[in-house]
């Protein structure tokens, strides 16, 4: 059985969390997923909503690929 994780890049409006912090947290989640034995990570893309800001999953996944070694990568939306 394969186990995968999807995740959103979310910043609550009015929050003082920077975009860079959110990206680092989500990239760390991908690393942790691999360390914990997940088979895949699938980030989502909802760039016309006010809660999400991942405009290009392929560029993001290229960066994730550089920080992981074995986990499968895919897009969820």
PDB file of N, CA and C in Angstrom:
ATOM      1  N   UNK A   1       0.841  -1.174   0.000  1.00  0.00           N
ATOM      2  CA  UNK A   1       0.000   0.000   0.000  1.00  0.00           C
ATOM      3  C   UNK A   1       0.889   1.242   0.000  1.00  0.00           C
ATOM      4  N   UNK A   2       0.545   2.198  -0.826  1.00  0.00           N
ATOM      5  CA  UNK A   2       1.266   3.470  -0.868  1.00  0.00           C
ATOM      6  C   UNK A   2       0.607   4.472   0.074  1.00  0.00           C
ATOM      7  N   UNK A   3       1.427   5.263   0.718  1.00  0.00           N
ATOM      8  CA  UNK A   3       0.942   6.320   1.602  1.00  0.00           C
ATOM      9  C   UNK A   3       1.517   7.636   1.102  1.00  0.00           C
ATOM     10  N   UNK A   4       0.626   8.598   0.840  1.00  0.00           N
ATOM     11  CA  UNK A   4       1.059   9.896   0.318  1.00  0.00           C
ATOM     12  C   UNK A   4       0.475  11.017   1.168  1.00  0.00           C
ATOM     13  N   UNK A   5       1.006  12.202   0.981  1.00  0.00           N
ATOM     14  CA  UNK A   5       0.532  13.380   1.692  1.00  0.00           C
ATOM     15  C   UNK A   5       0.285  14.502   0.697  1.00  0.00           C
ATOM     16  N   UNK A   6      -0.866  15.160   0.823  1.00  0.00           N
ATOM     17  CA  UNK A   6      -1.102  16.387   0.063  1.00  0.00           C
ATOM     18  C   UNK A   6      -1.016  17.549   1.049  1.00  0.00           C
ATOM     19  N   UNK A   7      -0.656  18.721   0.549  1.00  0.00           N
ATOM     20  CA  UNK A   7      -0.629  19.867   1.440  1.00  0.00           C
ATOM     21  C   UNK A   7      -0.843  21.158   0.674  1.00  0.00           C
ATOM     22  N   UNK A   8      -1.416  22.127   1.401  1.00  0.00           N
ATOM     23  CA  UNK A   8      -1.677  23.461   0.883  1.00  0.00           C
ATOM     24  C   UNK A   8      -0.608  24.416   1.388  1.00  0.00           C
ATOM     25  N   UNK A   9      -0.343  25.429   0.618  1.00  0.00           N
ATOM     26  CA  UNK A   9       0.494  26.541   1.068  1.00  0.00           C
ATOM     27  C   UNK A   9      -0.466  27.620   1.536  1.00  0.00           C
ATOM     28  N   UNK A  10      -0.664  27.701   2.834  1.00  0.00           N
ATOM     29  CA  UNK A  10      -1.704  28.562   3.375  1.00  0.00           C
ATOM     30  C   UNK A  10      -1.101  29.594   4.320  1.00  0.00           C
ATOM     31  N   UNK A  11      -1.553  30.817   4.174  1.00  0.00           N
ATOM     32  CA  UNK A  11      -1.238  31.878   5.125  1.00  0.00           C
ATOM     33  C   UNK A  11      -2.552  32.546   5.495  1.00  0.00           C
ATOM     34  N   UNK A  12      -2.837  32.582   6.768  1.00  0.00           N
ATOM     35  CA  UNK A  12      -4.058  33.235   7.241  1.00  0.00           C
ATOM     36  C   UNK A  12      -3.915  34.739   7.033  1.00  0.00           C
ATOM     37  N   UNK A  13      -4.921  35.362   6.417  1.00  0.00           N
ATOM     38  CA  UNK A  13      -4.870  36.803   6.186  1.00  0.00           C
ATOM     39  C   UNK A  13      -4.681  37.538   7.505  1.00  0.00           C
ATOM     40  N   UNK A  14      -3.810  38.512   7.506  1.00  0.00           N
ATOM     41  CA  UNK A  14      -3.510  39.274   8.706  1.00  0.00           C
ATOM     42  C   UNK A  14      -2.426  38.643   9.565  1.00  0.00           C
ATOM     43  N   UNK A  15      -1.928  37.508   9.137  1.00  0.00           N
ATOM     44  CA  UNK A  15      -0.873  36.822   9.885  1.00  0.00           C
ATOM     45  C   UNK A  15       0.462  37.523   9.660  1.00  0.00           C
ATOM     46  N   UNK A  16       1.356  37.403  10.612  1.00  0.00           N
ATOM     47  CA  UNK A  16       2.682  37.990  10.435  1.00  0.00           C
ATOM     48  C   UNK A  16       3.696  36.952   9.947  1.00  0.00           C
ATOM     49  N   UNK A  17       3.229  35.788   9.503  1.00  0.00           N
ATOM     50  CA  UNK A  17       4.105  34.746   8.962  1.00  0.00           C
ATOM     51  C   UNK A  17       4.465  35.114   7.523  1.00  0.00           C
ATOM     52  N   UNK A  18       5.749  35.074   7.210  1.00  0.00           N
ATOM     53  CA  UNK A  18       6.178  35.440   5.858  1.00  0.00           C
ATOM     54  C   UNK A  18       5.978  34.278   4.889  1.00  0.00           C
ATOM     55  N   UNK A  19       5.902  34.608   3.607  1.00  0.00           N
ATOM     56  CA  UNK A  19       5.800  33.571   2.579  1.00  0.00           C
ATOM     57  C   UNK A  19       7.001  32.631   2.645  1.00  0.00           C
ATOM     58  N   UNK A  20       8.182  33.193   2.865  1.00  0.00           N
ATOM     59  CA  UNK A  20       9.390  32.378   2.956  1.00  0.00           C
ATOM     60  C   UNK A  20       9.322  31.363   4.083  1.00  0.00           C
ATOM     61  N   UNK A  21       8.754  31.771   5.213  1.00  0.00           N
ATOM     62  CA  UNK A  21       8.595  30.853   6.340  1.00  0.00           C
ATOM     63  C   UNK A  21       7.663  29.712   5.977  1.00  0.00           C
ATOM     64  N   UNK A  22       6.566  30.033   5.314  1.00  0.00           N
ATOM     65  CA  UNK A  22       5.617  28.995   4.905  1.00  0.00           C
ATOM     66  C   UNK A  22       6.281  28.021   3.938  1.00  0.00           C
ATOM     67  N   UNK A  23       7.023  28.531   2.958  1.00  0.00           N
ATOM     68  CA  UNK A  23       7.719  27.646   2.017  1.00  0.00           C
ATOM     69  C   UNK A  23       8.709  26.742   2.748  1.00  0.00           C
ATOM     70  N   UNK A  24       9.480  27.290   3.676  1.00  0.00           N
ATOM     71  CA  UNK A  24      10.436  26.467   4.424  1.00  0.00           C
ATOM     72  C   UNK A  24       9.719  25.391   5.235  1.00  0.00           C
ATOM     73  N   UNK A  25       8.582  25.746   5.849  1.00  0.00           N
ATOM     74  CA  UNK A  25       7.821  24.763   6.617  1.00  0.00           C
ATOM     75  C   UNK A  25       7.301  23.648   5.716  1.00  0.00           C
ATOM     76  N   UNK A  26       6.785  23.997   4.557  1.00  0.00           N
ATOM     77  CA  UNK A  26       6.233  22.986   3.651  1.00  0.00           C
ATOM     78  C   UNK A  26       7.336  22.120   3.053  1.00  0.00           C
ATOM     79  N   UNK A  27       8.476  22.717   2.754  1.00  0.00           N
ATOM     80  CA  UNK A  27       9.598  21.916   2.264  1.00  0.00           C
ATOM     81  C   UNK A  27      10.086  20.965   3.347  1.00  0.00           C
ATOM     82  N   UNK A  28      10.080  21.420   4.575  1.00  0.00           N
ATOM     83  CA  UNK A  28      10.459  20.545   5.687  1.00  0.00           C
ATOM     84  C   UNK A  28       9.460  19.403   5.833  1.00  0.00           C
ATOM     85  N   UNK A  29       8.171  19.670   5.589  1.00  0.00           N
ATOM     86  CA  UNK A  29       7.173  18.601   5.634  1.00  0.00           C
ATOM     87  C   UNK A  29       7.472  17.519   4.604  1.00  0.00           C
ATOM     88  N   UNK A  30       7.909  17.915   3.426  1.00  0.00           N
ATOM     89  CA  UNK A  30       8.269  16.930   2.398  1.00  0.00           C
ATOM     90  C   UNK A  30       9.453  16.088   2.863  1.00  0.00           C
ATOM     91  N   UNK A  31      10.437  16.736   3.473  1.00  0.00           N
ATOM     92  CA  UNK A  31      11.587  15.998   3.999  1.00  0.00           C
ATOM     93  C   UNK A  31      11.162  15.033   5.107  1.00  0.00           C
ATOM     94  N   UNK A  32      10.291  15.499   5.996  1.00  0.00           N
ATOM     95  CA  UNK A  32       9.807  14.644   7.079  1.00  0.00           C
ATOM     96  C   UNK A  32       8.979  13.482   6.546  1.00  0.00           C
ATOM     97  N   UNK A  33       8.168  13.747   5.522  1.00  0.00           N
ATOM     98  CA  UNK A  33       7.372  12.670   4.925  1.00  0.00           C
ATOM     99  C   UNK A  33       8.291  11.565   4.411  1.00  0.00           C
ATOM    100  N   UNK A  34       9.366  11.953   3.748  1.00  0.00           N
ATOM    101  CA  UNK A  34      10.317  10.960   3.254  1.00  0.00           C
ATOM    102  C   UNK A  34      10.984  10.218   4.413  1.00  0.00           C
ATOM    103  N   UNK A  35      11.406  10.954   5.431  1.00  0.00           N
ATOM    104  CA  UNK A  35      12.061  10.333   6.589  1.00  0.00           C
ATOM    105  C   UNK A  35      11.144   9.353   7.307  1.00  0.00           C
ATOM    106  N   UNK A  36       9.840   9.626   7.297  1.00  0.00           N
ATOM    107  CA  UNK A  36       8.864   8.786   8.001  1.00  0.00           C
ATOM    108  C   UNK A  36       8.309   7.658   7.136  1.00  0.00           C
ATOM    109  N   UNK A  37       8.794   7.537   5.902  1.00  0.00           N
ATOM    110  CA  UNK A  37       8.397   6.413   5.067  1.00  0.00           C
ATOM    111  C   UNK A  37       7.219   6.647   4.143  1.00  0.00           C
ATOM    112  N   UNK A  38       6.771   7.887   4.007  1.00  0.00           N
ATOM    113  CA  UNK A  38       5.713   8.165   3.040  1.00  0.00           C
ATOM    114  C   UNK A  38       6.234   7.860   1.641  1.00  0.00           C
ATOM    115  N   UNK A  39       5.337   7.439   0.765  1.00  0.00           N
ATOM    116  CA  UNK A  39       5.725   7.101  -0.601  1.00  0.00           C
ATOM    117  C   UNK A  39       5.731   8.311  -1.528  1.00  0.00           C
ATOM    118  N   UNK A  40       4.904   9.335  -1.228  1.00  0.00           N
ATOM    119  CA  UNK A  40       4.780  10.468  -2.146  1.00  0.00           C
ATOM    120  C   UNK A  40       4.299  11.706  -1.407  1.00  0.00           C
ATOM    121  N   UNK A  41       4.584  12.863  -1.972  1.00  0.00           N
ATOM    122  CA  UNK A  41       3.987  14.128  -1.545  1.00  0.00           C
ATOM    123  C   UNK A  41       3.372  14.784  -2.775  1.00  0.00           C
ATOM    124  N   UNK A  42       2.225  15.421  -2.564  1.00  0.00           N
ATOM    125  CA  UNK A  42       1.458  16.034  -3.643  1.00  0.00           C
ATOM    126  C   UNK A  42       1.011  17.430  -3.208  1.00  0.00           C
ATOM    127  N   UNK A  43       1.760  18.474  -3.502  1.00  0.00           N
ATOM    128  CA  UNK A  43       1.293  19.821  -3.166  1.00  0.00           C
ATOM    129  C   UNK A  43       0.141  20.248  -4.081  1.00  0.00           C
ATOM    130  N   UNK A  44      -0.677  21.146  -3.567  1.00  0.00           N
ATOM    131  CA  UNK A  44      -1.822  21.642  -4.333  1.00  0.00           C
ATOM    132  C   UNK A  44      -1.547  23.037  -4.875  1.00  0.00           C
ATOM    133  N   UNK A  45      -2.332  23.406  -5.849  1.00  0.00           N
ATOM    134  CA  UNK A  45      -2.203  24.727  -6.470  1.00  0.00           C
ATOM    135  C   UNK A  45      -3.586  25.349  -6.585  1.00  0.00           C
ATOM    136  N   UNK A  46      -3.839  26.361  -5.794  1.00  0.00           N
ATOM    137  CA  UNK A  46      -5.097  27.107  -5.839  1.00  0.00           C
ATOM    138  C   UNK A  46      -4.757  28.588  -5.832  1.00  0.00           C
ATOM    139  N   UNK A  47      -4.235  29.109  -6.916  1.00  0.00           N
ATOM    140  CA  UNK A  47      -3.710  30.469  -6.865  1.00  0.00           C
ATOM    141  C   UNK A  47      -4.725  31.574  -7.111  1.00  0.00           C
ATOM    142  N   UNK A  48      -6.013  31.266  -7.233  1.00  0.00           N
ATOM    143  CA  UNK A  48      -7.016  32.327  -7.363  1.00  0.00           C
ATOM    144  C   UNK A  48      -7.841  32.481  -6.089  1.00  0.00           C
ATOM    145  N   UNK A  49      -7.321  31.977  -4.996  1.00  0.00           N
ATOM    146  CA  UNK A  49      -7.982  32.103  -3.710  1.00  0.00           C
ATOM    147  C   UNK A  49      -7.073  32.896  -2.784  1.00  0.00           C
ATOM    148  N   UNK A  50      -7.653  33.514  -1.757  1.00  0.00           N
ATOM    149  CA  UNK A  50      -6.848  34.360  -0.875  1.00  0.00           C
ATOM    150  C   UNK A  50      -6.108  33.576   0.208  1.00  0.00           C
ATOM    151  N   UNK A  51      -6.263  32.264   0.259  1.00  0.00           N
ATOM    152  CA  UNK A  51      -5.622  31.497   1.310  1.00  0.00           C
ATOM    153  C   UNK A  51      -4.418  30.692   0.835  1.00  0.00           C
ATOM    154  N   UNK A  52      -4.155  30.670  -0.432  1.00  0.00           N
ATOM    155  CA  UNK A  52      -3.092  29.807  -0.947  1.00  0.00           C
ATOM    156  C   UNK A  52      -2.236  30.563  -1.950  1.00  0.00           C
ATOM    157  N   UNK A  53      -0.942  30.208  -2.053  1.00  0.00           N
ATOM    158  CA  UNK A  53      -0.068  30.990  -2.929  1.00  0.00           C
ATOM    159  C   UNK A  53       1.021  30.150  -3.583  1.00  0.00           C
ATOM    160  N   UNK A  54       0.690  28.988  -4.068  1.00  0.00           N
ATOM    161  CA  UNK A  54       1.671  28.165  -4.782  1.00  0.00           C
ATOM    162  C   UNK A  54       1.363  28.268  -6.276  1.00  0.00           C
ATOM    163  N   UNK A  55       1.980  29.196  -6.992  1.00  0.00           N
ATOM    164  CA  UNK A  55       1.610  29.445  -8.380  1.00  0.00           C
ATOM    165  C   UNK A  55       2.108  28.411  -9.379  1.00  0.00           C
ATOM    166  N   UNK A  56       3.098  27.612  -9.027  1.00  0.00           N
ATOM    167  CA  UNK A  56       3.639  26.657 -10.002  1.00  0.00           C
ATOM    168  C   UNK A  56       4.179  25.427  -9.284  1.00  0.00           C
ATOM    169  N   UNK A  57       3.367  24.380  -9.254  1.00  0.00           N
ATOM    170  CA  UNK A  57       3.777  23.159  -8.559  1.00  0.00           C
ATOM    171  C   UNK A  57       5.024  22.521  -9.156  1.00  0.00           C
ATOM    172  N   UNK A  58       5.223  22.625 -10.447  1.00  0.00           N
ATOM    173  CA  UNK A  58       6.383  21.975 -11.055  1.00  0.00           C
ATOM    174  C   UNK A  58       7.697  22.602 -10.583  1.00  0.00           C
ATOM    175  N   UNK A  59       7.720  23.922 -10.473  1.00  0.00           N
ATOM    176  CA  UNK A  59       8.928  24.574  -9.938  1.00  0.00           C
ATOM    177  C   UNK A  59       9.139  24.201  -8.474  1.00  0.00           C
ATOM    178  N   UNK A  60       8.060  24.174  -7.726  1.00  0.00           N
ATOM    179  CA  UNK A  60       8.154  23.768  -6.330  1.00  0.00           C
ATOM    180  C   UNK A  60       8.685  22.339  -6.222  1.00  0.00           C
ATOM    181  N   UNK A  61       8.145  21.433  -7.022  1.00  0.00           N
ATOM    182  CA  UNK A  61       8.567  20.036  -6.954  1.00  0.00           C
ATOM    183  C   UNK A  61      10.013  19.852  -7.395  1.00  0.00           C
ATOM    184  N   UNK A  62      10.483  20.688  -8.298  1.00  0.00           N
ATOM    185  CA  UNK A  62      11.897  20.634  -8.680  1.00  0.00           C
ATOM    186  C   UNK A  62      12.768  20.957  -7.465  1.00  0.00           C
ATOM    187  N   UNK A  63      12.337  21.925  -6.680  1.00  0.00           N
ATOM    188  CA  UNK A  63      13.087  22.274  -5.473  1.00  0.00           C
ATOM    189  C   UNK A  63      13.004  21.159  -4.433  1.00  0.00           C
ATOM    190  N   UNK A  64      11.793  20.583  -4.268  1.00  0.00           N
ATOM    191  CA  UNK A  64      11.620  19.465  -3.336  1.00  0.00           C
ATOM    192  C   UNK A  64      12.509  18.295  -3.755  1.00  0.00           C
ATOM    193  N   UNK A  65      12.599  18.045  -5.054  1.00  0.00           N
ATOM    194  CA  UNK A  65      13.437  16.947  -5.556  1.00  0.00           C
ATOM    195  C   UNK A  65      14.895  17.145  -5.163  1.00  0.00           C
ATOM    196  N   UNK A  66      15.323  18.392  -5.090  1.00  0.00           N
ATOM    197  CA  UNK A  66      16.689  18.676  -4.686  1.00  0.00           C
ATOM    198  C   UNK A  66      16.942  18.487  -3.201  1.00  0.00           C
ATOM    199  N   UNK A  67      15.863  18.419  -2.417  1.00  0.00           N
ATOM    200  CA  UNK A  67      16.008  18.259  -0.963  1.00  0.00           C
ATOM    201  C   UNK A  67      15.605  16.879  -0.475  1.00  0.00           C
ATOM    202  N   UNK A  68      15.174  16.011  -1.390  1.00  0.00           N
ATOM    203  CA  UNK A  68      14.801  14.647  -1.037  1.00  0.00           C
ATOM    204  C   UNK A  68      15.528  13.688  -1.972  1.00  0.00           C
ATOM    205  N   UNK A  69      15.443  12.395  -1.677  1.00  0.00           N
ATOM    206  CA  UNK A  69      16.159  11.435  -2.519  1.00  0.00           C
ATOM    207  C   UNK A  69      15.275  10.354  -3.115  1.00  0.00           C
ATOM    208  N   UNK A  70      14.297   9.845  -2.363  1.00  0.00           N
ATOM    209  CA  UNK A  70      13.539   8.679  -2.818  1.00  0.00           C
ATOM    210  C   UNK A  70      12.038   8.883  -2.956  1.00  0.00           C
ATOM    211  N   UNK A  71      11.485   9.880  -2.321  1.00  0.00           N
ATOM    212  CA  UNK A  71      10.039  10.043  -2.299  1.00  0.00           C
ATOM    213  C   UNK A  71       9.518  10.418  -3.686  1.00  0.00           C
ATOM    214  N   UNK A  72       8.349   9.895  -4.036  1.00  0.00           N
ATOM    215  CA  UNK A  72       7.723  10.238  -5.315  1.00  0.00           C
ATOM    216  C   UNK A  72       7.065  11.608  -5.187  1.00  0.00           C
ATOM    217  N   UNK A  73       7.010  12.322  -6.297  1.00  0.00           N
ATOM    218  CA  UNK A  73       6.451  13.672  -6.306  1.00  0.00           C
ATOM    219  C   UNK A  73       5.340  13.748  -7.333  1.00  0.00           C
ATOM    220  N   UNK A  74       4.279  14.476  -6.999  1.00  0.00           N
ATOM    221  CA  UNK A  74       3.183  14.657  -7.940  1.00  0.00           C
ATOM    222  C   UNK A  74       2.407  15.911  -7.603  1.00  0.00           C
ATOM    223  N   UNK A  75       1.513  16.310  -8.485  1.00  0.00           N
ATOM    224  CA  UNK A  75       0.676  17.486  -8.243  1.00  0.00           C
ATOM    225  C   UNK A  75      -0.733  17.040  -7.897  1.00  0.00           C
ATOM    226  N   UNK A  76      -1.347  17.740  -6.939  1.00  0.00           N
ATOM    227  CA  UNK A  76      -2.684  17.378  -6.477  1.00  0.00           C
ATOM    228  C   UNK A  76      -3.763  18.239  -7.112  1.00  0.00           C
ATOM    229  N   UNK A  77      -3.405  19.325  -7.733  1.00  0.00           N
ATOM    230  CA  UNK A  77      -4.414  20.177  -8.372  1.00  0.00           C
ATOM    231  C   UNK A  77      -3.747  21.036  -9.415  1.00  0.00           C
TER     232      UNK A  77
END
